[in-house]
Amino acid sequence: MTLASDGLSYPLVNSSKQDATQRRSCRLGPHWVTVESNGGKVAGVTLGRKGSSHDRKLAKDLEGVLDGGRIPECLQVDTNGLPGFTRKVLGRCAGIRSGQVMTYSELARAVNYPKAARAVGQVMAKNPFALLIPCHRVVGSDRSLHGFGGGLDMKEWLLAREGWQLEGTGRGRRLAGAIGAGRSQKSEARSQNAEVRGPAAAAFRAGRCAPSTESRG
């Protein structure tokens, strides 16, 4: 089992393999991140729990991913074993690029489930691959931050790092606009047939985290 970003336990993706689970931790700003790997793939990411040591290489790799770089081989994820709807939502979320956001409703429409915004929110809350699949870039229809496995302080820190201004306090925090030239000030609403892009999306296109192609029931 592994702890996902919401603190709940999920089966390791490749649980049939006998490889020992490797845990690495680092700080991103004031926030701790722990990555669990098994069988050469990331099995889960835990946010907010202090690690035993700071892995500088892991921090550099994660910062590169957050800045829009390619996900290195050591941080590739495998969504095999997750439900089809979950894989589809995570696959589309993987294409949200740094400096952009989507709302839960937009993400639901993008995966052809226009009435499933609440279910999409639940997938984001249980995302086992936080940061690598950037669920922090999904916000409410009013641009409010909503929940996040690492807490709203970390979600605010991540979005500010990517160029967003925020307003309000506590649970009332919401996006106010973008900082600086070259940052998108519009949400990334896409058609349901939009191409999936971004650093995590390459892994989906290569079949390592392929979204489900099942039709709706």
Protein backbone atom coordinates (compact mmCIF):
# COMPACT_ATOMS: atom_id res chain seq x y z
CA MET A 1 0.00 0.00 0.00
CA THR A 2 1.02 3.62 -0.43
CA LEU A 3 -0.22 6.91 0.97
CA ALA A 4 -1.70 9.21 -1.67
CA SER A 5 -1.69 12.99 -1.46
CA ASP A 6 -4.93 13.00 0.54
CA GLY A 7 -3.48 10.73 3.23
CA LEU A 8 -5.53 7.69 2.14
CA SER A 9 -4.01 4.35 1.20
CA TYR A 10 -4.03 2.94 -2.32
CA PRO A 11 -2.54 -0.26 -3.71
CA LEU A 12 0.87 0.09 -5.29
CA VAL A 13 0.45 0.28 -9.04
CA ASN A 14 2.73 -2.67 -9.73
CA SER A 15 2.01 -4.52 -6.50
CA SER A 16 2.71 -7.89 -8.13
CA LYS A 17 6.39 -7.01 -8.32
CA GLN A 18 8.57 -7.79 -5.37
CA ASP A 19 10.84 -4.75 -5.70
CA ALA A 20 11.41 -2.94 -2.44
CA THR A 21 9.65 0.39 -2.16
CA GLN A 22 12.04 3.34 -2.29
CA ARG A 23 11.17 6.57 -0.49
CA ARG A 24 12.82 9.91 -1.19
CA SER A 25 11.91 13.23 0.39
CA CYS A 26 12.71 16.86 -0.29
CA ARG A 27 11.57 20.39 0.48
CA LEU A 28 9.97 22.62 -2.13
CA GLY A 29 10.08 26.03 -0.51
CA PRO A 30 8.69 25.44 2.99
CA HIS A 31 6.80 22.29 1.97
CA TRP A 32 7.88 18.65 2.18
CA VAL A 33 7.31 16.11 -0.59
CA THR A 34 7.88 12.35 -0.39
CA VAL A 35 7.99 10.18 -3.51
CA GLU A 36 7.54 6.42 -3.26
CA SER A 37 8.81 4.26 -6.13
CA ASN A 38 8.36 0.58 -6.84
CA GLY A 39 9.53 -1.43 -9.82
CA GLY A 40 11.14 1.63 -11.38
CA LYS A 41 7.92 3.67 -11.41
CA VAL A 42 6.44 6.19 -9.02
CA ALA A 43 3.80 4.49 -6.87
CA GLY A 44 2.68 7.53 -4.90
CA VAL A 45 3.46 11.08 -3.81
CA THR A 46 2.80 12.31 -0.28
CA LEU A 47 2.68 16.02 0.50
CA GLY A 48 3.25 17.80 3.79
CA ARG A 49 4.84 15.01 5.80
CA LYS A 50 8.37 15.86 6.90
CA GLY A 51 10.99 13.53 5.50
CA SER A 52 14.12 12.21 7.18
CA SER A 53 16.42 14.11 4.81
CA HIS A 54 16.39 16.57 1.92
CA ASP A 55 17.16 14.96 -1.45
CA ARG A 56 18.58 17.79 -3.56
CA LYS A 57 18.31 15.88 -6.84
CA LEU A 58 14.66 15.09 -6.21
CA ALA A 59 13.97 18.75 -5.44
CA LYS A 60 15.71 19.81 -8.66
CA ASP A 61 13.79 17.24 -10.70
CA LEU A 62 10.44 18.28 -9.23
CA GLU A 63 11.19 21.97 -9.73
CA GLY A 64 12.01 21.21 -13.36
CA VAL A 65 8.67 19.41 -13.81
CA LEU A 66 6.77 22.29 -12.21
CA ASP A 67 8.56 24.71 -14.52
CA GLY A 68 7.33 22.78 -17.57
CA GLY A 69 10.25 20.46 -18.19
CA ARG A 70 10.10 16.82 -19.16
CA ILE A 71 9.48 14.33 -16.38
CA PRO A 72 12.69 12.31 -15.88
CA GLU A 73 12.60 8.54 -16.17
CA CYS A 74 12.95 8.12 -12.40
CA LEU A 75 9.68 10.04 -11.87
CA GLN A 76 7.52 8.35 -14.52
CA VAL A 77 4.18 7.15 -13.21
CA ASP A 78 2.08 4.17 -14.21
CA THR A 79 -1.71 4.43 -13.88
CA ASN A 80 -2.40 0.79 -14.70
CA GLY A 81 -4.75 -0.60 -12.07
CA LEU A 82 -6.60 2.67 -11.54
CA PRO A 83 -10.27 2.90 -12.65
CA GLY A 84 -10.85 3.98 -16.25
CA PHE A 85 -12.57 7.26 -15.35
CA THR A 86 -9.75 8.12 -12.96
CA ARG A 87 -7.13 7.41 -15.62
CA LYS A 88 -8.98 9.55 -18.15
CA VAL A 89 -9.24 12.50 -15.76
CA LEU A 90 -5.60 12.21 -14.65
CA GLY A 91 -4.53 11.94 -18.29
CA ARG A 92 -6.20 15.23 -19.16
CA CYS A 93 -4.97 16.91 -15.98
CA ALA A 94 -1.44 15.90 -16.97
CA GLY A 95 -1.72 18.24 -19.93
CA ILE A 96 -2.36 21.42 -17.91
CA ARG A 97 0.80 23.43 -18.36
CA SER A 98 2.61 25.67 -15.90
CA GLY A 99 0.91 29.07 -15.69
CA GLN A 100 -2.48 27.68 -16.74
CA VAL A 101 -5.48 26.40 -14.81
CA MET A 102 -8.72 24.57 -15.49
CA THR A 103 -11.87 24.48 -13.41
CA TYR A 104 -13.38 21.18 -12.27
CA SER A 105 -16.28 21.76 -14.68
CA GLU A 106 -13.93 22.43 -17.60
CA LEU A 107 -11.98 19.29 -16.82
CA ALA A 108 -15.20 17.27 -16.67
CA ARG A 109 -16.23 18.58 -20.11
CA ALA A 110 -12.75 17.92 -21.50
CA VAL A 111 -13.06 14.20 -20.69
CA ASN A 112 -16.61 14.07 -22.10
CA TYR A 113 -18.37 13.83 -18.73
CA PRO A 114 -19.90 17.34 -18.58
CA LYS A 115 -22.04 16.61 -15.52
CA ALA A 116 -19.27 14.95 -13.52
CA ALA A 117 -17.54 18.00 -11.99
CA ARG A 118 -18.01 16.60 -8.47
CA ALA A 119 -16.56 13.22 -9.48
CA VAL A 120 -13.62 15.01 -11.12
CA GLY A 121 -13.06 16.83 -7.83
CA GLN A 122 -12.92 13.52 -6.02
CA VAL A 123 -10.33 12.21 -8.48
CA MET A 124 -8.23 15.34 -7.91
CA ALA A 125 -8.53 14.95 -4.13
CA LYS A 126 -7.26 11.36 -4.37
CA ASN A 127 -4.61 11.97 -7.02
CA PRO A 128 -1.75 9.63 -6.05
CA PHE A 129 0.74 11.51 -8.25
CA ALA A 130 0.44 15.11 -7.05
CA LEU A 131 2.88 17.56 -8.70
CA LEU A 132 3.74 14.99 -11.40
CA ILE A 133 0.08 15.15 -12.46
CA PRO A 134 -0.64 18.77 -11.51
CA CYS A 135 -3.98 18.69 -9.71
CA HIS A 136 -3.00 21.96 -8.00
CA ARG A 137 -3.80 23.63 -11.34
CA VAL A 138 -7.50 22.72 -11.04
CA VAL A 139 -9.69 25.27 -9.26
CA GLY A 140 -13.36 26.02 -8.61
CA SER A 141 -15.60 27.74 -11.13
CA ASP A 142 -15.21 30.95 -9.13
CA ARG A 143 -11.40 30.48 -9.16
CA SER A 144 -11.42 29.43 -5.49
CA LEU A 145 -8.67 26.98 -4.51
CA HIS A 146 -10.74 24.22 -2.88
CA GLY A 147 -8.99 21.27 -1.24
CA PHE A 148 -5.50 19.91 -1.87
CA GLY A 149 -3.58 17.02 -0.35
CA GLY A 150 -0.77 19.31 0.81
CA GLY A 151 -3.18 21.91 2.20
CA LEU A 152 -4.32 25.24 0.79
CA ASP A 153 -1.09 26.95 1.86
CA MET A 154 0.88 24.64 -0.41
CA LYS A 155 -1.61 24.99 -3.27
CA GLU A 156 -1.36 28.78 -2.97
CA TRP A 157 2.45 28.56 -2.89
CA LEU A 158 2.54 26.37 -6.01
CA LEU A 159 0.18 28.62 -7.98
CA ALA A 160 2.04 31.78 -6.90
CA ARG A 161 5.28 30.11 -7.98
CA GLU A 162 3.72 29.59 -11.42
CA GLY A 163 2.77 33.24 -11.76
CA TRP A 164 -0.69 33.57 -10.25
CA GLN A 165 -1.82 36.28 -7.86
CA LEU A 166 -4.28 35.28 -5.18
CA GLU A 167 -6.72 37.16 -3.02
CA GLY A 168 -8.63 36.38 0.15
CA THR A 169 -7.66 34.31 3.16
CA GLY A 170 -8.33 30.86 4.55
CA ARG A 171 -10.92 28.89 2.61
CA GLY A 172 -11.86 32.07 0.76
CA ARG A 173 -8.61 32.18 -1.21
CA ARG A 174 -9.03 32.47 -4.98
CA LEU A 175 -7.07 33.36 -8.10
CA ALA A 176 -7.00 37.07 -8.86
CA GLY A 177 -5.00 37.07 -12.11
CA ALA A 178 -1.54 36.36 -13.42
CA ILE A 179 1.79 37.98 -12.58
CA GLY A 180 4.06 39.31 -15.30
CA ALA A 181 4.14 39.10 -19.07
CA GLY A 182 3.76 35.81 -20.84
CA ARG A 183 1.55 34.19 -18.21
CA SER A 184 -1.88 32.98 -19.25
CA GLN A 185 -4.66 34.99 -17.57
CA LYS A 186 -7.40 32.71 -18.89
CA SER A 187 -8.37 29.26 -17.75
CA GLU A 188 -7.43 26.46 -20.13
CA ALA A 189 -10.92 25.49 -21.27
CA ARG A 190 -10.54 22.97 -24.08
CA SER A 191 -12.85 20.93 -26.28
CA GLN A 192 -13.31 17.29 -25.35
CA ASN A 193 -11.02 16.36 -28.24
CA ALA A 194 -8.17 18.66 -27.22
CA GLU A 195 -4.63 17.34 -27.52
CA VAL A 196 -3.10 16.43 -24.18
CA ARG A 197 0.11 18.39 -23.67
CA GLY A 198 2.59 19.11 -20.92
CA PRO A 199 5.49 17.26 -19.31
CA ALA A 200 3.39 14.45 -17.89
CA ALA A 201 1.41 14.01 -21.08
CA ALA A 202 4.35 12.47 -22.98
CA ALA A 203 4.16 9.44 -20.68
CA PHE A 204 0.45 9.04 -21.47
CA ARG A 205 1.09 9.23 -25.20
CA ALA A 206 3.86 6.64 -24.86
CA GLY A 207 1.45 4.26 -23.14
CA ARG A 208 3.06 4.35 -19.70
CA CYS A 209 0.04 6.18 -18.23
CA ALA A 210 -2.47 5.82 -21.04
CA PRO A 211 -5.90 7.30 -20.30
CA SER A 212 -8.81 4.93 -20.62
CA THR A 213 -10.60 4.89 -23.97
CA GLU A 214 -13.68 3.16 -22.61
CA SER A 215 -17.05 4.67 -23.49
CA ARG A 216 -19.43 5.96 -20.89
CA GLY A 217 -21.88 3.50 -19.47
